[in-house]
N, C-alpha and C. Protein backbone atom coordinates (compact mmCIF):
# COMPACT_ATOMS: atom_id res chain seq x y z
N MET A 1 10.50 -28.10 9.59
CA MET A 1 10.59 -28.66 10.91
C MET A 1 9.27 -28.44 11.63
N THR A 2 8.73 -29.47 12.23
CA THR A 2 7.47 -29.34 12.94
C THR A 2 7.70 -29.40 14.43
N ASN A 3 6.85 -28.73 15.15
CA ASN A 3 6.89 -28.71 16.60
C ASN A 3 5.50 -28.96 17.13
N THR A 4 5.41 -29.32 18.38
CA THR A 4 4.11 -29.54 18.99
C THR A 4 3.49 -28.20 19.33
N ILE A 5 2.36 -27.92 18.75
CA ILE A 5 1.59 -26.70 19.02
C ILE A 5 0.18 -27.17 19.36
N GLN A 6 -0.43 -26.57 20.38
CA GLN A 6 -1.79 -26.96 20.74
C GLN A 6 -2.70 -26.72 19.54
N GLN A 7 -3.40 -27.76 19.12
CA GLN A 7 -4.09 -27.74 17.84
C GLN A 7 -5.50 -27.15 17.85
N SER A 8 -6.31 -27.40 18.86
CA SER A 8 -7.73 -27.05 18.75
C SER A 8 -8.00 -25.57 18.48
N PRO A 9 -7.34 -24.61 19.14
CA PRO A 9 -7.60 -23.21 18.76
C PRO A 9 -7.15 -22.90 17.34
N LEU A 10 -6.07 -23.53 16.91
CA LEU A 10 -5.57 -23.28 15.56
C LEU A 10 -6.50 -23.87 14.51
N VAL A 11 -7.06 -25.03 14.81
CA VAL A 11 -8.01 -25.64 13.88
C VAL A 11 -9.25 -24.76 13.75
N ALA A 12 -9.74 -24.24 14.86
CA ALA A 12 -10.90 -23.35 14.83
C ALA A 12 -10.57 -22.08 14.05
N ALA A 13 -9.36 -21.54 14.27
CA ALA A 13 -8.95 -20.33 13.55
C ALA A 13 -8.82 -20.61 12.06
N ARG A 14 -8.35 -21.81 11.72
CA ARG A 14 -8.22 -22.17 10.30
C ARG A 14 -9.59 -22.21 9.63
N VAL A 15 -10.60 -22.66 10.34
CA VAL A 15 -11.96 -22.66 9.79
C VAL A 15 -12.40 -21.22 9.51
N LEU A 16 -12.13 -20.32 10.45
CA LEU A 16 -12.48 -18.91 10.23
C LEU A 16 -11.73 -18.33 9.03
N VAL A 17 -10.47 -18.71 8.87
CA VAL A 17 -9.70 -18.24 7.71
C VAL A 17 -10.29 -18.80 6.43
N GLY A 18 -10.77 -20.04 6.46
CA GLY A 18 -11.42 -20.62 5.29
C GLY A 18 -12.66 -19.83 4.90
N VAL A 19 -13.45 -19.43 5.89
CA VAL A 19 -14.65 -18.61 5.63
C VAL A 19 -14.22 -17.25 5.08
N TYR A 20 -13.19 -16.67 5.67
CA TYR A 20 -12.65 -15.38 5.20
C TYR A 20 -12.17 -15.49 3.75
N ALA A 21 -11.48 -16.55 3.42
CA ALA A 21 -10.99 -16.74 2.05
C ALA A 21 -12.16 -16.92 1.07
N ALA A 22 -13.14 -17.73 1.46
CA ALA A 22 -14.30 -17.93 0.59
C ALA A 22 -15.04 -16.62 0.36
N LEU A 23 -15.23 -15.85 1.42
CA LEU A 23 -15.90 -14.56 1.30
C LEU A 23 -15.10 -13.60 0.41
N SER A 24 -13.79 -13.61 0.58
CA SER A 24 -12.94 -12.72 -0.22
C SER A 24 -12.96 -13.07 -1.70
N ILE A 25 -12.92 -14.35 -2.00
CA ILE A 25 -12.97 -14.79 -3.40
C ILE A 25 -14.35 -14.50 -3.99
N ALA A 26 -15.40 -14.71 -3.20
CA ALA A 26 -16.76 -14.39 -3.66
C ALA A 26 -16.90 -12.89 -3.93
N THR A 27 -16.22 -12.09 -3.14
CA THR A 27 -16.26 -10.64 -3.34
C THR A 27 -15.65 -10.25 -4.68
N VAL A 28 -14.54 -10.87 -5.04
CA VAL A 28 -13.92 -10.58 -6.34
C VAL A 28 -14.88 -10.99 -7.47
N ALA A 29 -15.55 -12.12 -7.30
CA ALA A 29 -16.54 -12.54 -8.30
C ALA A 29 -17.69 -11.53 -8.38
N ALA A 30 -18.12 -11.04 -7.23
CA ALA A 30 -19.20 -10.05 -7.20
C ALA A 30 -18.77 -8.75 -7.89
N ILE A 31 -17.52 -8.37 -7.68
CA ILE A 31 -17.00 -7.16 -8.33
C ILE A 31 -17.04 -7.34 -9.86
N ALA A 32 -16.66 -8.52 -10.32
CA ALA A 32 -16.68 -8.79 -11.77
C ALA A 32 -18.10 -8.68 -12.32
N VAL A 33 -19.06 -9.23 -11.62
CA VAL A 33 -20.46 -9.16 -12.07
C VAL A 33 -20.94 -7.71 -12.03
N LEU A 34 -20.66 -7.03 -10.93
CA LEU A 34 -21.10 -5.64 -10.80
C LEU A 34 -20.46 -4.73 -11.84
N GLN A 35 -19.25 -5.04 -12.22
CA GLN A 35 -18.58 -4.25 -13.26
C GLN A 35 -19.41 -4.24 -14.55
N ALA A 36 -20.05 -5.37 -14.81
CA ALA A 36 -20.86 -5.50 -16.03
C ALA A 36 -22.25 -4.87 -15.87
N VAL A 37 -22.85 -4.99 -14.70
CA VAL A 37 -24.24 -4.55 -14.55
C VAL A 37 -24.42 -3.24 -13.80
N ALA A 38 -23.48 -2.89 -12.94
CA ALA A 38 -23.56 -1.64 -12.16
C ALA A 38 -22.15 -1.14 -11.88
N PRO A 39 -21.48 -0.62 -12.90
CA PRO A 39 -20.07 -0.23 -12.77
C PRO A 39 -19.79 0.76 -11.64
N ASP A 40 -20.79 1.57 -11.28
CA ASP A 40 -20.57 2.52 -10.18
C ASP A 40 -20.37 1.83 -8.84
N LEU A 41 -20.73 0.55 -8.74
CA LEU A 41 -20.56 -0.22 -7.51
C LEU A 41 -19.29 -1.08 -7.52
N ALA A 42 -18.51 -0.95 -8.58
CA ALA A 42 -17.29 -1.77 -8.71
C ALA A 42 -16.17 -0.97 -9.35
N GLY A 43 -15.81 0.11 -8.71
CA GLY A 43 -14.76 0.96 -9.25
C GLY A 43 -13.36 0.40 -9.03
N PRO A 44 -12.37 1.16 -9.44
CA PRO A 44 -10.98 0.70 -9.30
C PRO A 44 -10.58 0.38 -7.86
N ALA A 45 -11.04 1.16 -6.90
CA ALA A 45 -10.69 0.90 -5.50
C ALA A 45 -11.24 -0.45 -5.05
N ALA A 46 -12.44 -0.79 -5.51
CA ALA A 46 -13.02 -2.09 -5.16
C ALA A 46 -12.20 -3.23 -5.77
N TRP A 47 -11.80 -3.06 -7.01
CA TRP A 47 -10.97 -4.09 -7.66
C TRP A 47 -9.64 -4.28 -6.93
N ILE A 48 -8.99 -3.18 -6.62
CA ILE A 48 -7.69 -3.26 -5.96
C ILE A 48 -7.83 -3.88 -4.58
N ARG A 49 -8.76 -3.36 -3.81
CA ARG A 49 -8.95 -3.87 -2.45
C ARG A 49 -9.38 -5.33 -2.48
N GLY A 50 -10.34 -5.65 -3.33
CA GLY A 50 -10.82 -7.04 -3.42
C GLY A 50 -9.73 -8.02 -3.79
N THR A 51 -8.90 -7.63 -4.73
CA THR A 51 -7.81 -8.51 -5.17
C THR A 51 -6.77 -8.70 -4.06
N ILE A 52 -6.42 -7.62 -3.38
CA ILE A 52 -5.44 -7.71 -2.28
C ILE A 52 -5.98 -8.60 -1.16
N VAL A 53 -7.24 -8.39 -0.80
CA VAL A 53 -7.83 -9.19 0.29
C VAL A 53 -7.91 -10.66 -0.10
N ALA A 54 -8.32 -10.95 -1.32
CA ALA A 54 -8.41 -12.35 -1.76
C ALA A 54 -7.02 -13.00 -1.75
N ALA A 55 -6.02 -12.28 -2.24
CA ALA A 55 -4.66 -12.84 -2.26
C ALA A 55 -4.14 -13.09 -0.85
N THR A 56 -4.34 -12.14 0.05
CA THR A 56 -3.84 -12.34 1.41
C THR A 56 -4.64 -13.41 2.15
N SER A 57 -5.90 -13.57 1.78
CA SER A 57 -6.69 -14.63 2.44
C SER A 57 -6.17 -16.01 2.04
N ILE A 58 -5.77 -16.15 0.80
CA ILE A 58 -5.19 -17.43 0.35
C ILE A 58 -3.84 -17.66 1.02
N LEU A 59 -3.04 -16.61 1.10
CA LEU A 59 -1.75 -16.70 1.79
C LEU A 59 -1.97 -17.08 3.27
N MET A 60 -2.96 -16.46 3.89
CA MET A 60 -3.24 -16.76 5.29
C MET A 60 -3.71 -18.21 5.46
N LEU A 61 -4.44 -18.71 4.49
CA LEU A 61 -4.88 -20.11 4.55
C LEU A 61 -3.69 -21.06 4.44
N VAL A 62 -2.72 -20.72 3.62
CA VAL A 62 -1.49 -21.53 3.53
C VAL A 62 -0.78 -21.54 4.88
N PHE A 63 -0.63 -20.35 5.50
CA PHE A 63 0.02 -20.27 6.81
C PHE A 63 -0.77 -21.06 7.85
N ALA A 64 -2.10 -20.96 7.79
CA ALA A 64 -2.94 -21.68 8.75
C ALA A 64 -2.74 -23.19 8.63
N ASN A 65 -2.73 -23.68 7.41
CA ASN A 65 -2.54 -25.13 7.21
C ASN A 65 -1.18 -25.58 7.74
N GLN A 66 -0.16 -24.78 7.49
CA GLN A 66 1.18 -25.13 7.97
C GLN A 66 1.24 -25.06 9.50
N ALA A 67 0.63 -24.05 10.08
CA ALA A 67 0.65 -23.90 11.54
C ALA A 67 -0.08 -25.05 12.22
N VAL A 68 -1.21 -25.47 11.66
CA VAL A 68 -1.95 -26.59 12.23
C VAL A 68 -1.11 -27.86 12.18
N ARG A 69 -0.23 -27.97 11.18
CA ARG A 69 0.66 -29.13 11.09
C ARG A 69 1.87 -29.00 12.01
N GLY A 70 1.97 -27.87 12.74
CA GLY A 70 3.02 -27.74 13.73
C GLY A 70 4.19 -26.84 13.37
N HIS A 71 4.12 -26.13 12.28
CA HIS A 71 5.22 -25.25 11.87
C HIS A 71 5.14 -23.92 12.62
N ARG A 72 6.07 -23.70 13.52
CA ARG A 72 6.07 -22.49 14.35
C ARG A 72 6.22 -21.21 13.53
N ARG A 73 7.07 -21.23 12.54
CA ARG A 73 7.28 -20.04 11.71
C ARG A 73 6.00 -19.66 10.96
N ALA A 74 5.24 -20.66 10.55
CA ALA A 74 3.97 -20.39 9.88
C ALA A 74 3.00 -19.72 10.84
N LEU A 75 3.03 -20.15 12.11
CA LEU A 75 2.17 -19.51 13.11
C LEU A 75 2.56 -18.05 13.28
N LEU A 76 3.84 -17.77 13.31
CA LEU A 76 4.31 -16.39 13.40
C LEU A 76 3.84 -15.58 12.19
N ARG A 77 4.00 -16.13 10.99
CA ARG A 77 3.55 -15.43 9.77
C ARG A 77 2.05 -15.20 9.80
N TRP A 78 1.32 -16.21 10.24
CA TRP A 78 -0.14 -16.12 10.33
C TRP A 78 -0.53 -14.99 11.26
N ARG A 79 0.12 -14.92 12.42
CA ARG A 79 -0.17 -13.85 13.38
C ARG A 79 0.09 -12.47 12.78
N ILE A 80 1.21 -12.35 12.09
CA ILE A 80 1.57 -11.05 11.50
C ILE A 80 0.56 -10.63 10.44
N VAL A 81 0.23 -11.54 9.53
CA VAL A 81 -0.70 -11.19 8.45
C VAL A 81 -2.09 -10.88 9.01
N ALA A 82 -2.54 -11.64 10.00
CA ALA A 82 -3.86 -11.38 10.60
C ALA A 82 -3.89 -9.99 11.23
N ALA A 83 -2.86 -9.65 11.98
CA ALA A 83 -2.82 -8.34 12.64
C ALA A 83 -2.77 -7.21 11.61
N VAL A 84 -1.94 -7.36 10.59
CA VAL A 84 -1.83 -6.32 9.55
C VAL A 84 -3.17 -6.15 8.83
N MET A 85 -3.82 -7.25 8.51
CA MET A 85 -5.10 -7.16 7.78
C MET A 85 -6.19 -6.53 8.63
N ILE A 86 -6.20 -6.79 9.94
CA ILE A 86 -7.20 -6.16 10.81
C ILE A 86 -7.01 -4.65 10.80
N VAL A 87 -5.78 -4.20 10.92
CA VAL A 87 -5.50 -2.77 10.90
C VAL A 87 -5.86 -2.18 9.54
N ALA A 88 -5.47 -2.85 8.46
CA ALA A 88 -5.77 -2.35 7.11
C ALA A 88 -7.28 -2.24 6.88
N ILE A 89 -8.02 -3.24 7.33
CA ILE A 89 -9.48 -3.21 7.18
C ILE A 89 -10.06 -2.05 7.97
N ALA A 90 -9.59 -1.84 9.19
CA ALA A 90 -10.10 -0.74 10.00
C ALA A 90 -9.86 0.60 9.32
N VAL A 91 -8.70 0.77 8.73
CA VAL A 91 -8.38 2.02 8.03
C VAL A 91 -9.26 2.18 6.79
N ILE A 92 -9.35 1.13 5.99
CA ILE A 92 -10.12 1.20 4.74
C ILE A 92 -11.59 1.52 4.99
N VAL A 93 -12.21 0.86 5.96
CA VAL A 93 -13.64 1.10 6.19
C VAL A 93 -13.89 2.45 6.84
N SER A 94 -12.87 3.06 7.42
CA SER A 94 -13.05 4.36 8.06
C SER A 94 -12.92 5.54 7.09
N ILE A 95 -12.45 5.28 5.87
CA ILE A 95 -12.30 6.36 4.89
C ILE A 95 -13.60 6.48 4.08
N PRO A 96 -14.33 7.58 4.27
CA PRO A 96 -15.62 7.74 3.58
C PRO A 96 -15.46 7.73 2.06
N GLY A 97 -16.32 6.96 1.39
CA GLY A 97 -16.38 6.97 -0.06
C GLY A 97 -15.28 6.22 -0.78
N LEU A 98 -14.33 5.64 -0.07
CA LEU A 98 -13.23 4.94 -0.74
C LEU A 98 -13.72 3.70 -1.47
N ILE A 99 -14.55 2.92 -0.80
CA ILE A 99 -15.13 1.72 -1.41
C ILE A 99 -16.65 1.81 -1.26
N PRO A 100 -17.39 1.13 -2.14
CA PRO A 100 -18.85 1.18 -2.06
C PRO A 100 -19.36 0.60 -0.74
N LEU A 101 -20.56 1.01 -0.35
CA LEU A 101 -21.16 0.58 0.92
C LEU A 101 -21.21 -0.94 1.04
N TRP A 102 -21.61 -1.64 -0.03
CA TRP A 102 -21.72 -3.10 0.05
C TRP A 102 -20.36 -3.72 0.39
N MET A 103 -19.29 -3.14 -0.17
CA MET A 103 -17.95 -3.68 0.08
C MET A 103 -17.46 -3.27 1.46
N ARG A 104 -17.86 -2.12 1.91
CA ARG A 104 -17.52 -1.69 3.27
C ARG A 104 -18.11 -2.68 4.28
N LEU A 105 -19.35 -3.09 4.06
CA LEU A 105 -19.99 -4.09 4.94
C LEU A 105 -19.28 -5.43 4.85
N GLU A 106 -18.89 -5.82 3.65
CA GLU A 106 -18.14 -7.08 3.48
C GLU A 106 -16.81 -7.01 4.22
N GLN A 107 -16.15 -5.86 4.15
CA GLN A 107 -14.87 -5.70 4.85
C GLN A 107 -15.04 -5.73 6.36
N VAL A 108 -16.13 -5.17 6.86
CA VAL A 108 -16.41 -5.25 8.30
C VAL A 108 -16.57 -6.72 8.70
N LEU A 109 -17.30 -7.49 7.91
CA LEU A 109 -17.46 -8.92 8.19
C LEU A 109 -16.09 -9.63 8.17
N CYS A 110 -15.26 -9.30 7.19
CA CYS A 110 -13.91 -9.86 7.13
C CYS A 110 -13.12 -9.50 8.40
N GLY A 111 -13.25 -8.26 8.83
CA GLY A 111 -12.57 -7.82 10.04
C GLY A 111 -13.02 -8.58 11.27
N VAL A 112 -14.32 -8.82 11.37
CA VAL A 112 -14.86 -9.59 12.50
C VAL A 112 -14.30 -11.01 12.48
N LEU A 113 -14.26 -11.63 11.30
CA LEU A 113 -13.68 -12.97 11.19
C LEU A 113 -12.21 -12.97 11.62
N LEU A 114 -11.48 -11.96 11.19
CA LEU A 114 -10.05 -11.90 11.51
C LEU A 114 -9.80 -11.57 12.98
N ILE A 115 -10.69 -10.83 13.60
CA ILE A 115 -10.56 -10.61 15.04
C ILE A 115 -10.72 -11.94 15.78
N GLY A 116 -11.66 -12.76 15.30
CA GLY A 116 -11.79 -14.10 15.87
C GLY A 116 -10.54 -14.94 15.65
N VAL A 117 -9.97 -14.85 14.46
CA VAL A 117 -8.72 -15.56 14.16
C VAL A 117 -7.63 -15.09 15.11
N ALA A 118 -7.47 -13.79 15.24
CA ALA A 118 -6.43 -13.24 16.11
C ALA A 118 -6.61 -13.68 17.56
N ALA A 119 -7.85 -13.68 18.02
CA ALA A 119 -8.10 -14.12 19.40
C ALA A 119 -7.63 -15.56 19.61
N LEU A 120 -7.75 -16.37 18.60
CA LEU A 120 -7.34 -17.78 18.71
C LEU A 120 -5.84 -17.98 18.50
N VAL A 121 -5.25 -17.29 17.55
CA VAL A 121 -3.83 -17.55 17.24
C VAL A 121 -2.87 -16.81 18.16
N PHE A 122 -3.37 -15.78 18.87
CA PHE A 122 -2.52 -15.06 19.80
C PHE A 122 -2.66 -15.57 21.24
N ARG A 123 -3.38 -16.67 21.43
CA ARG A 123 -3.50 -17.25 22.77
C ARG A 123 -2.13 -17.65 23.31
N ARG A 124 -1.98 -17.54 24.58
CA ARG A 124 -0.71 -17.89 25.23
C ARG A 124 -0.48 -19.41 25.29
N THR A 125 -1.47 -20.19 24.93
CA THR A 125 -1.33 -21.65 25.01
C THR A 125 -0.43 -22.21 23.94
N HIS A 126 -0.07 -21.39 22.94
CA HIS A 126 0.84 -21.85 21.88
C HIS A 126 2.27 -21.60 22.35
N PRO A 127 3.11 -22.62 22.31
CA PRO A 127 4.50 -22.42 22.74
C PRO A 127 5.28 -21.52 21.80
């Protein structure tokens, strides 16, 4: 069932989610390359975190596409996943030594993108 939802902030947020998804997938590819050439930069924590982030980014993109088409429940799911991922990223980057520095910086960038997404999808202009 579709409903009328103000589109422009959601479309902008969907673009940010697309960038987040592309960055997340590129990170998994980087982990694979680093595993071969510099294994100390691509340990198990990087693999686990990278895979989870890439999977949730794809899920978030599905929710974003549905929300832009007017599905209210998808907007709710999108809001929940964005909020959870922002908190998870904040926790992960705050734990010293858990993930390599390069991935910590990538996660900070992901967090910044998701804060932008949250600012757009949590606007009161959506019914």
